[in-house]
Amino acid sequence: MRALVDMSDAQIEALDTLAKRVGQSRAALIRAAIDDYLDRHHREQVADGFGLWGKRKVDGLAYQEKARSEW
């Protein structure tokens, strides 16, 4: 799929310079940058979930058993 992205002249020049240096196309560099960005934010979302229960004063297993007993 193609996408249209607006970039500054400085960004395009920097991409072209990097593309020549590493022997890849500008498009390949942009795809890699998007993959890195998405991966980083996915890891941040996963990390945000760890430790959420730690601030509660109730034991997690006891809470779970109590909630299930109400079903």
Protein backbone atom coordinates (compact mmCIF):
# COMPACT_ATOMS: atom_id res chain seq x y z
CA MET A 1 0.00 0.00 0.00
CA ARG A 2 1.23 3.47 -0.71
CA ALA A 3 0.93 6.46 1.60
CA LEU A 4 1.60 10.12 0.98
CA VAL A 5 3.75 11.79 3.62
CA ASP A 6 4.71 15.46 3.81
CA MET A 7 8.33 16.02 4.80
CA SER A 8 10.55 19.06 4.92
CA ASP A 9 13.37 19.54 2.43
CA ALA A 10 15.85 18.98 5.25
CA GLN A 11 14.27 15.62 6.11
CA ILE A 12 14.37 14.50 2.48
CA GLU A 13 18.01 15.55 2.13
CA ALA A 14 18.93 13.72 5.33
CA LEU A 15 17.10 10.60 4.15
CA ASP A 16 18.79 10.71 0.76
CA THR A 17 22.21 11.09 2.39
CA LEU A 18 21.56 8.19 4.73
CA ALA A 19 20.11 6.06 1.92
CA LYS A 20 23.28 6.50 -0.14
CA ARG A 21 25.50 5.75 2.84
CA VAL A 22 23.71 2.52 3.85
CA GLY A 23 22.79 1.41 0.32
CA GLN A 24 19.03 1.37 0.82
CA SER A 25 16.19 3.26 -0.79
CA ARG A 26 14.49 6.19 0.88
CA ALA A 27 11.29 4.10 1.07
CA ALA A 28 13.13 1.26 2.84
CA LEU A 29 14.46 3.70 5.43
CA ILE A 30 11.00 5.15 6.01
CA ARG A 31 9.48 1.66 6.42
CA ALA A 32 12.21 0.75 8.91
CA ALA A 33 11.63 3.98 10.84
CA ILE A 34 7.89 3.30 11.02
CA ASP A 35 8.52 -0.28 12.20
CA ASP A 36 10.89 0.99 14.92
CA TYR A 37 8.39 3.63 16.03
CA LEU A 38 5.50 1.17 16.22
CA ASP A 39 7.60 -1.42 18.04
CA ARG A 40 8.78 1.13 20.60
CA HIS A 41 5.26 2.30 21.34
CA HIS A 42 3.94 -1.25 21.56
CA ARG A 43 6.64 -2.07 24.13
CA GLU A 44 5.72 1.06 26.09
CA GLN A 45 2.06 0.00 26.20
CA VAL A 46 3.00 -3.46 27.45
CA ALA A 47 5.35 -1.99 30.06
CA ASP A 48 2.63 0.40 31.25
CA GLY A 49 0.49 -2.60 32.21
CA PHE A 50 3.06 -4.18 34.52
CA GLY A 51 2.78 -3.25 38.16
CA LEU A 52 -0.70 -1.77 37.98
CA TRP A 53 -1.98 -4.10 40.67
CA GLY A 54 1.06 -3.51 42.92
CA LYS A 55 -0.34 -0.30 44.39
CA ARG A 56 -3.46 -2.03 45.71
CA LYS A 57 -3.58 -3.20 49.29
CA VAL A 58 -5.59 -6.34 48.46
CA ASP A 59 -3.91 -9.59 47.48
CA GLY A 60 -4.59 -10.20 43.77
CA LEU A 61 -5.38 -13.90 44.14
CA ALA A 62 -7.74 -13.28 47.05
CA TYR A 63 -9.52 -10.57 45.05
CA GLN A 64 -9.86 -12.89 42.06
CA GLU A 65 -11.24 -15.75 44.17
CA LYS A 66 -13.74 -13.43 45.85
CA ALA A 67 -14.91 -12.01 42.52
CA ARG A 68 -15.31 -15.48 41.02
CA SER A 69 -17.23 -16.73 44.04
CA GLU A 70 -19.86 -14.06 43.36
CA TRP A 71 -20.64 -15.58 39.95
